[in-house]
C-alpha atoms as a PDB file:
ATOM      1  CA  MET A   1       0.000   0.000   0.000  1.00  0.00           C
ATOM      2  CA  ASP A   2       2.800   2.380   0.814  1.00  0.00           C
ATOM      3  CA  ASP A   3       4.532   1.620  -2.455  1.00  0.00           C
ATOM      4  CA  THR A   4       2.075   3.879  -4.323  1.00  0.00           C
ATOM      5  CA  LYS A   5       3.216   6.844  -2.279  1.00  0.00           C
ATOM      6  CA  GLN A   6       6.224   8.741  -3.486  1.00  0.00           C
ATOM      7  CA  THR A   7       8.055  11.176  -1.306  1.00  0.00           C
ATOM      8  CA  GLY A   8       9.390  13.378  -4.054  1.00  0.00           C
ATOM      9  CA  GLU A   9      12.351  14.312  -1.886  1.00  0.00           C
ATOM     10  CA  HIS A  10      15.464  14.512  -3.998  1.00  0.00           C
ATOM     11  CA  SER A  11      18.710  16.159  -3.233  1.00  0.00           C
ATOM     12  CA  PRO A  12      19.670  19.078  -5.495  1.00  0.00           C
ATOM     13  CA  GLU A  13      22.639  17.100  -6.830  1.00  0.00           C
ATOM     14  CA  THR A  14      20.485  14.321  -8.297  1.00  0.00           C
ATOM     15  CA  GLN A  15      18.115  16.805  -9.913  1.00  0.00           C
ATOM     16  CA  SER A  16      20.899  18.639 -11.685  1.00  0.00           C
ATOM     17  CA  ASP A  17      22.427  15.376 -12.950  1.00  0.00           C
ATOM     18  CA  GLN A  18      19.201  14.197 -14.581  1.00  0.00           C
ATOM     19  CA  PRO A  19      17.821  15.998 -17.596  1.00  0.00           C
ATOM     20  CA  LYS A  20      14.503  17.724 -17.092  1.00  0.00           C
ATOM     21  CA  LYS A  21      11.487  15.659 -18.148  1.00  0.00           C
ATOM     22  CA  PRO A  22       8.980  17.115 -20.555  1.00  0.00           C
ATOM     23  CA  LEU A  23       5.893  18.672 -19.031  1.00  0.00           C
ATOM     24  CA  GLY A  24       3.623  15.934 -20.450  1.00  0.00           C
ATOM     25  CA  GLU A  25       5.579  13.193 -18.658  1.00  0.00           C
ATOM     26  CA  GLN A  26       5.579  15.132 -15.393  1.00  0.00           C
ATOM     27  CA  ILE A  27       1.802  15.551 -15.565  1.00  0.00           C
ATOM     28  CA  THR A  28       1.384  11.863 -16.423  1.00  0.00           C
ATOM     29  CA  GLU A  29       3.433  10.841 -13.371  1.00  0.00           C
ATOM     30  CA  LEU A  30       1.474  13.235 -11.172  1.00  0.00           C
ATOM     31  CA  VAL A  31      -1.871  11.894 -12.383  1.00  0.00           C
ATOM     32  CA  ALA A  32      -0.716   8.279 -11.980  1.00  0.00           C
ATOM     33  CA  THR A  33       0.424   8.944  -8.418  1.00  0.00           C
ATOM     34  CA  ALA A  34      -2.851  10.686  -7.563  1.00  0.00           C
ATOM     35  CA  ALA A  35      -4.863   7.845  -9.105  1.00  0.00           C
ATOM     36  CA  GLY A  36      -2.915   5.315  -7.054  1.00  0.00           C
ATOM     37  CA  VAL A  37      -3.604   7.194  -3.836  1.00  0.00           C
ATOM     38  CA  LEU A  38      -7.302   7.536  -4.675  1.00  0.00           C
ATOM     39  CA  ALA A  39      -7.579   3.857  -5.574  1.00  0.00           C
ATOM     40  CA  GLU A  40      -5.906   2.876  -2.324  1.00  0.00           C
ATOM     41  CA  GLY A  41      -8.368   4.980  -0.328  1.00  0.00           C
ATOM     42  CA  ALA A  42     -11.305   3.561  -2.276  1.00  0.00           C
ATOM     43  CA  VAL A  43     -10.207   0.000  -1.584  1.00  0.00           C
ATOM     44  CA  ARG A  44      -9.907   0.724   2.130  1.00  0.00           C
ATOM     45  CA  SER A  45     -13.350   2.327   2.335  1.00  0.00           C
ATOM     46  CA  VAL A  46     -15.000  -0.511   0.396  1.00  0.00           C
ATOM     47  CA  ALA A  47     -13.343  -3.109   2.605  1.00  0.00           C
ATOM     48  CA  LYS A  48     -14.540  -1.262   5.698  1.00  0.00           C
ATOM     49  CA  ARG A  49     -18.124  -1.166   4.405  1.00  0.00           C
ATOM     50  CA  VAL A  50     -18.010  -4.868   3.534  1.00  0.00           C
ATOM     51  CA  ARG A  51     -16.832  -5.755   7.057  1.00  0.00           C
ATOM     52  CA  LYS A  52     -19.633  -3.711   8.631  1.00  0.00           C
ATOM     53  CA  THR A  53     -22.279  -5.207   6.348  1.00  0.00           C
ATOM     54  CA  ALA A  54     -21.052  -8.744   6.971  1.00  0.00           C
ATOM     55  CA  ALA A  55     -21.141  -8.146  10.728  1.00  0.00           C
ATOM     56  CA  LYS A  56     -24.724  -6.859  10.538  1.00  0.00           C
ATOM     57  CA  LYS A  57     -25.984  -9.693   8.334  1.00  0.00           C
ATOM     58  CA  THR A  58     -24.388 -12.541  10.283  1.00  0.00           C
ATOM     59  CA  PRO A  59     -27.108 -14.721  11.869  1.00  0.00           C
ATOM     60  CA  VAL A  60     -27.424 -14.423  15.661  1.00  0.00           C
ATOM     61  CA  PRO A  61     -26.851 -18.149  16.372  1.00  0.00           C
ATOM     62  CA  LEU A  62     -23.639 -18.009  14.375  1.00  0.00           C
ATOM     63  CA  LYS A  63     -22.468 -14.952  16.319  1.00  0.00           C
ATOM     64  CA  LYS A  64     -23.225 -16.700  19.618  1.00  0.00           C
ATOM     65  CA  ALA A  65     -21.347 -19.808  18.525  1.00  0.00           C
ATOM     66  CA  ALA A  66     -18.349 -17.705  17.512  1.00  0.00           C
ATOM     67  CA  GLN A  67     -18.387 -15.913  20.867  1.00  0.00           C
ATOM     68  CA  ALA A  68     -18.624 -19.208  22.747  1.00  0.00           C
ATOM     69  CA  ALA A  69     -15.705 -20.629  20.781  1.00  0.00           C
ATOM     70  CA  THR A  70     -13.636 -17.533  21.471  1.00  0.00           C
ATOM     71  CA  LYS A  71     -14.506 -17.655  25.167  1.00  0.00           C
ATOM     72  CA  ALA A  72     -13.590 -21.353  25.374  1.00  0.00           C
ATOM     73  CA  ALA A  73     -10.276 -20.752  23.645  1.00  0.00           C
ATOM     74  CA  LYS A  74      -9.430 -17.936  26.052  1.00  0.00           C
ATOM     75  CA  ALA A  75     -10.411 -20.057  29.062  1.00  0.00           C
ATOM     76  CA  LYS A  76      -8.291 -22.958  27.822  1.00  0.00           C
ATOM     77  CA  LYS A  77      -5.322 -20.669  27.306  1.00  0.00           C
ATOM     78  CA  ALA A  78      -5.762 -19.106  30.751  1.00  0.00           C
ATOM     79  CA  ALA A  79      -6.050 -22.563  32.322  1.00  0.00           C
ATOM     80  CA  LYS A  80      -2.739 -23.574  30.785  1.00  0.00           C
ATOM     81  CA  LYS A  81      -1.023 -20.493  32.165  1.00  0.00           C
ATOM     82  CA  GLY A  82      -2.726 -20.343  35.557  1.00  0.00           C
ATOM     83  CA  GLY A  83      -3.042 -24.105  36.151  1.00  0.00           C
ATOM     84  CA  ARG A  84       0.611 -24.556  36.995  1.00  0.00           C
ATOM     85  CA  LYS A  85       0.538 -21.894  39.695  1.00  0.00           C
ATOM     86  CA  LYS A  86      -2.617 -23.256  41.302  1.00  0.00           C
ATOM     87  CA  ALA A  87      -1.223 -26.786  41.455  1.00  0.00           C
ATOM     88  CA  ALA A  88       1.912 -25.564  43.192  1.00  0.00           C
ATOM     89  CA  LYS A  89       0.005 -23.888  46.018  1.00  0.00           C
ATOM     90  CA  LYS A  90      -1.797 -26.168  48.464  1.00  0.00           C
ATOM     91  CA  ALA A  91      -4.942 -25.017  50.206  1.00  0.00           C
ATOM     92  CA  ARG A  92      -4.391 -24.552  53.914  1.00  0.00           C
ATOM     93  CA  LYS A  93      -7.084 -25.258  56.413  1.00  0.00           C
ATOM     94  CA  PRO A  94      -7.707 -22.304  58.674  1.00  0.00           C
ATOM     95  CA  ALA A  95      -6.748 -22.872  62.276  1.00  0.00           C
ATOM     96  CA  PRO A  96      -9.743 -23.258  64.617  1.00  0.00           C
ATOM     97  CA  LYS A  97     -10.559 -20.173  66.596  1.00  0.00           C
ATOM     98  CA  LYS A  98      -9.915 -20.335  70.314  1.00  0.00           C
ATOM     99  CA  GLY A  99     -13.305 -18.909  71.204  1.00  0.00           C
ATOM    100  CA  ALA A 100     -15.270 -21.348  69.036  1.00  0.00           C
ATOM    101  CA  LYS A 101     -16.881 -24.212  70.993  1.00  0.00           C
ATOM    102  CA  THR A 102     -18.101 -27.445  69.527  1.00  0.00           C
ATOM    103  CA  LYS A 103     -21.291 -29.248  70.482  1.00  0.00           C
ATOM    104  CA  ALA A 104     -19.335 -31.947  72.314  1.00  0.00           C
ATOM    105  CA  THR A 105     -17.557 -29.493  74.603  1.00  0.00           C
ATOM    106  CA  LYS A 106     -20.830 -27.704  75.343  1.00  0.00           C
ATOM    107  CA  ALA A 107     -22.490 -30.997  76.295  1.00  0.00           C
ATOM    108  CA  LYS A 108     -19.619 -31.947  78.643  1.00  0.00           C
ATOM    109  CA  LYS A 109     -19.810 -28.609  80.442  1.00  0.00           C
ATOM    110  CA  SER A 110     -23.579 -28.843  80.889  1.00  0.00           C
ATOM    111  CA  ASN A 111     -23.185 -32.315  82.425  1.00  0.00           C
ATOM    112  CA  ARG A 112     -20.678 -31.027  84.980  1.00  0.00           C
ATOM    113  CA  ARG A 113     -23.172 -28.719  86.674  1.00  0.00           C
END
């Protein structure tokens, strides 16, 4: 796409070495360059419109299936990355609180009275 663009920057030495082109050839080059730039812009705008139209006309079940597939692929990828870390860490059981009493200890105390 960038190959249609021409900078036109030449050093003064190269311009003096080359003979001047006739006016007709200069105009032809100018028109060809402008046509290339316009064609490039037209292709981009048409492609953009086609993408938008295709997105609007895609059936809803197909969109949902595509979203589900994308979600599953992301989850699978995340599981591969995060699964190793989770396996390395073991779940610790919280230590019982000192103030917490079980039913058995309550029953023993009530029998003592």
